Protein backbone atom coordinates (compact mmCIF):
# COMPACT_ATOMS: atom_id res chain seq x y z
CA ALA A 1 21.26 -128.65 -11.90
CA GLY A 2 20.07 -127.11 -15.14
CA LEU A 3 22.38 -129.18 -17.32
CA THR A 4 21.34 -132.48 -15.74
CA SER A 5 17.60 -131.78 -15.62
CA ARG A 6 14.98 -133.71 -17.55
CA TRP A 7 14.21 -130.52 -19.51
CA TRP A 8 17.82 -130.29 -20.69
CA GLN A 9 17.87 -133.92 -21.82
CA GLN A 10 14.62 -133.58 -23.80
CA GLN A 11 15.11 -130.23 -25.49
CA ALA A 12 17.98 -130.71 -27.94
CA GLY A 13 17.07 -129.50 -31.39
CA ARG A 14 13.50 -128.46 -30.58
CA LEU A 15 13.82 -125.21 -32.51
CA GLN A 16 14.97 -125.54 -36.08
CA SER A 17 13.71 -122.17 -37.34
CA ALA A 18 15.60 -119.67 -39.47
CA GLY A 19 16.35 -117.25 -36.61
CA ARG A 20 18.13 -119.68 -34.33
CA GLU A 21 21.70 -118.66 -35.20
CA GLY A 22 20.93 -115.01 -34.56
CA LEU A 23 19.34 -115.84 -31.21
CA ARG A 24 22.31 -117.90 -30.09
CA LEU A 25 24.82 -115.25 -31.09
CA SER A 26 22.78 -112.43 -29.53
CA ALA A 27 22.27 -114.29 -26.25
CA VAL A 28 25.96 -115.17 -25.87
CA THR A 29 27.02 -111.63 -26.80
CA LEU A 30 24.59 -110.23 -24.24
CA ALA A 31 26.05 -112.45 -21.50
CA GLY A 32 29.56 -111.31 -22.44
CA LEU A 33 28.55 -107.64 -22.42
CA ILE A 34 26.94 -108.01 -19.00
CA PHE A 35 30.13 -109.61 -17.67
CA LEU A 36 32.19 -106.72 -19.06
CA GLN A 37 29.73 -104.27 -17.48
CA LEU A 38 30.22 -105.96 -14.09
CA VAL A 39 33.98 -105.62 -14.45
CA ILE A 40 33.71 -101.89 -15.28
CA GLY A 41 31.20 -101.39 -12.45
CA ALA A 42 33.51 -103.11 -9.97
CA HIS A 43 36.33 -100.87 -11.16
CA LEU A 44 34.15 -97.81 -10.55
CA ARG A 45 33.09 -99.01 -7.13
CA HIS A 46 36.63 -99.76 -6.00
CA LEU A 47 38.64 -96.94 -7.54
CA PRO A 48 41.96 -96.37 -5.84
CA VAL A 49 42.32 -93.23 -3.76
CA GLY A 50 44.89 -91.79 -6.17
CA ALA A 51 42.72 -92.24 -9.28
CA THR A 52 42.57 -89.26 -11.58
CA ALA A 53 39.37 -87.44 -12.48
CA GLY A 54 39.98 -88.30 -16.14
CA GLY A 55 40.18 -92.01 -15.36
CA PHE A 56 36.96 -91.81 -13.37
CA LYS A 57 35.17 -89.94 -16.17
CA THR A 58 36.36 -92.51 -18.72
CA ALA A 59 35.11 -95.42 -16.60
CA VAL A 60 31.74 -93.70 -16.07
CA PHE A 61 31.44 -93.00 -19.80
CA PHE A 62 32.08 -96.65 -20.71
CA HIS A 63 29.74 -97.86 -17.95
CA LEU A 64 26.92 -95.69 -19.34
CA LEU A 65 27.71 -96.56 -22.96
CA LEU A 66 27.74 -100.26 -22.17
CA ALA A 67 24.42 -99.93 -20.30
CA ALA A 68 22.84 -98.55 -23.49
CA VAL A 69 24.37 -101.34 -25.60
CA ILE A 70 23.14 -103.97 -23.12
CA LEU A 71 19.63 -102.52 -23.26
CA GLY A 72 19.74 -102.74 -27.05
CA TYR A 73 20.95 -106.34 -27.00
CA ALA A 74 18.37 -107.32 -24.38
CA LEU A 75 15.63 -105.89 -26.59
CA LEU A 76 17.08 -107.75 -29.58
CA VAL A 77 17.11 -111.03 -27.64
CA VAL A 78 13.50 -110.66 -26.51
CA TRP A 79 12.45 -109.72 -30.06
CA ARG A 80 14.16 -112.84 -31.41
CA THR A 81 12.59 -115.08 -28.76
CA LEU A 82 9.13 -113.68 -29.53
CA ARG A 83 9.60 -114.66 -33.18
CA LEU A 84 10.48 -118.29 -32.36
CA PRO A 85 7.82 -120.98 -32.03
CA GLY A 86 7.19 -122.67 -28.69
CA GLY A 87 7.74 -119.74 -26.37
CA GLN A 88 10.19 -121.60 -24.12
CA LEU A 89 12.63 -118.68 -23.93
CA ARG A 90 10.12 -115.83 -23.80
CA GLY A 91 9.74 -115.74 -20.02
CA PRO A 92 13.46 -115.51 -19.23
CA ALA A 93 14.00 -112.98 -22.05
CA ILE A 94 11.19 -110.73 -20.84
CA LEU A 95 12.41 -111.02 -17.23
CA LEU A 96 15.91 -110.12 -18.38
CA ASN A 97 14.58 -106.96 -20.07
CA LEU A 98 12.63 -105.93 -16.98
CA LEU A 99 15.74 -106.42 -14.85
CA VAL A 100 17.83 -104.36 -17.30
CA LEU A 101 15.33 -101.49 -16.98
CA ALA A 102 15.35 -101.81 -13.19
CA GLN A 103 19.15 -101.87 -13.25
CA ILE A 104 19.31 -98.65 -15.26
CA GLY A 105 16.93 -97.01 -12.77
CA LEU A 106 18.98 -98.22 -9.82
CA GLY A 107 22.16 -97.02 -11.52
CA ALA A 108 20.70 -93.52 -11.90
CA ALA A 109 19.54 -93.57 -8.27
CA THR A 110 23.00 -94.73 -7.17
CA TRP A 111 24.58 -91.79 -8.95
CA VAL A 112 22.14 -89.25 -7.46
CA LEU A 113 22.56 -90.59 -3.94
CA LYS A 114 26.33 -90.67 -4.14
CA TYR A 115 27.17 -87.62 -6.27
CA SER A 116 23.98 -85.51 -6.50
CA TRP A 117 22.00 -84.60 -9.60
CA PRO A 118 24.01 -83.98 -12.76
CA ALA A 119 24.43 -80.25 -13.44
CA GLY A 120 21.50 -78.91 -15.42
CA ILE A 121 19.26 -81.93 -14.87
CA LEU A 122 16.70 -81.12 -12.18
CA ALA A 123 19.48 -79.83 -9.92
CA ASP A 124 17.80 -76.45 -9.56
CA HIS A 125 14.20 -77.66 -9.45
CA GLY A 126 12.50 -76.84 -6.16
CA VAL A 127 11.34 -80.38 -5.42
CA VAL A 128 14.71 -82.07 -5.79
CA ALA A 129 17.18 -79.24 -5.17
CA GLY A 130 19.59 -80.39 -2.52
CA TRP A 131 18.02 -83.85 -2.24
CA THR A 132 20.83 -86.30 -1.96
CA ASN A 133 21.82 -88.74 0.66
CA THR A 134 25.00 -88.66 2.62
CA ALA A 135 27.51 -91.40 2.04
CA GLY A 136 26.65 -94.47 4.05
CA GLY A 137 22.99 -93.61 4.57
CA GLY A 138 20.34 -96.33 4.68
CA ALA A 139 18.78 -95.50 1.31
CA GLN A 140 22.16 -95.42 -0.38
CA SER A 141 23.11 -98.80 1.07
CA VAL A 142 19.90 -100.43 -0.14
CA ILE A 143 20.01 -98.90 -3.62
CA VAL A 144 23.71 -99.53 -4.24
CA THR A 145 23.45 -103.10 -2.95
CA GLY A 146 20.38 -103.64 -5.14
CA HIS A 147 22.29 -102.30 -8.16
CA VAL A 148 25.18 -104.70 -7.54
CA ALA A 149 22.87 -107.67 -6.82
CA ILE A 150 20.73 -107.15 -9.92
CA GLY A 151 23.91 -106.89 -12.01
CA SER A 152 24.93 -110.34 -10.80
CA LEU A 153 21.41 -111.67 -11.34
CA LEU A 154 21.46 -110.32 -14.90
CA LEU A 155 24.70 -112.18 -15.61
CA GLY A 156 23.28 -115.45 -14.29
CA LEU A 157 20.04 -115.05 -16.22
CA ALA A 158 21.88 -114.14 -19.43
CA VAL A 159 24.12 -117.20 -19.15
CA GLN A 160 21.10 -119.41 -18.46
CA LEU A 161 19.26 -117.93 -21.44
CA SER A 162 22.33 -118.48 -23.64
CA LEU A 163 22.67 -122.11 -22.58
CA ARG A 164 18.98 -122.77 -23.16
CA ALA A 165 19.08 -121.09 -26.57
CA TRP A 166 22.04 -123.26 -27.58
CA ARG A 167 20.33 -126.39 -26.29
CA LEU A 168 17.04 -125.69 -28.02
CA THR A 169 18.73 -124.98 -31.34
CA SER A 170 21.48 -127.61 -31.28
CA GLN A 171 21.50 -130.66 -33.49
CA PRO A 172 19.34 -133.33 -31.83
CA GLY A 173 21.45 -136.31 -32.90
CA LEU A 174 24.81 -134.85 -31.89
CA PRO A 175 26.44 -137.11 -29.28
CA ARG A 176 27.39 -135.46 -26.01
CA LEU A 177 31.15 -135.96 -26.43
CA ALA A 178 31.09 -134.56 -29.97
CA ALA A 179 29.06 -131.60 -28.75
CA ALA A 180 31.60 -130.92 -26.01
CA LYS A 181 34.49 -131.16 -28.44
CA SER A 182 32.87 -128.76 -30.88
CA LEU A 183 32.02 -126.35 -28.07
CA TRP A 184 35.52 -126.35 -26.57
CA GLY A 185 37.45 -126.46 -29.84
CA GLY A 186 38.41 -130.13 -29.84
CA VAL A 187 39.39 -130.40 -26.17
CA GLY A 188 37.97 -133.46 -24.46
């Protein structure tokens, strides 16, 4: 529906500022990173029974590293949208950043509920010592499901933001068929 809307038809080439190429590249890269994060997260969630501890640690490391990179790219995208005139991408970019922060919080809560506090981080503090949830508890179900759902929502929002950034910064006179051919490398 977004590609056939009146907004889509009227917005080609609206932004012709100097930062448009950086915004387009950052937004598309962010969407790709979020997709990769979903793949790694699905791998973590559905590890085979015979998986080694080293394989699990490697997947967790990359999941955490990619979360930090995604946060950095999300901040870069919102910074670039705030610098552009018009403000048409600011709302989705700010929402995306808020969801990334919520996702990181839910990811930490997912870890604590499933595996307990990491050694040395509040594990011995009187308030939280021994506070974890058993596998399959109500809180764990809600938090883990929220973590998975927000991950999917982030991917959809990042793709939408990327498409809108490309539309707003594309050449206004470019015919639709020529635009499709240039986008898909001459196919069409």
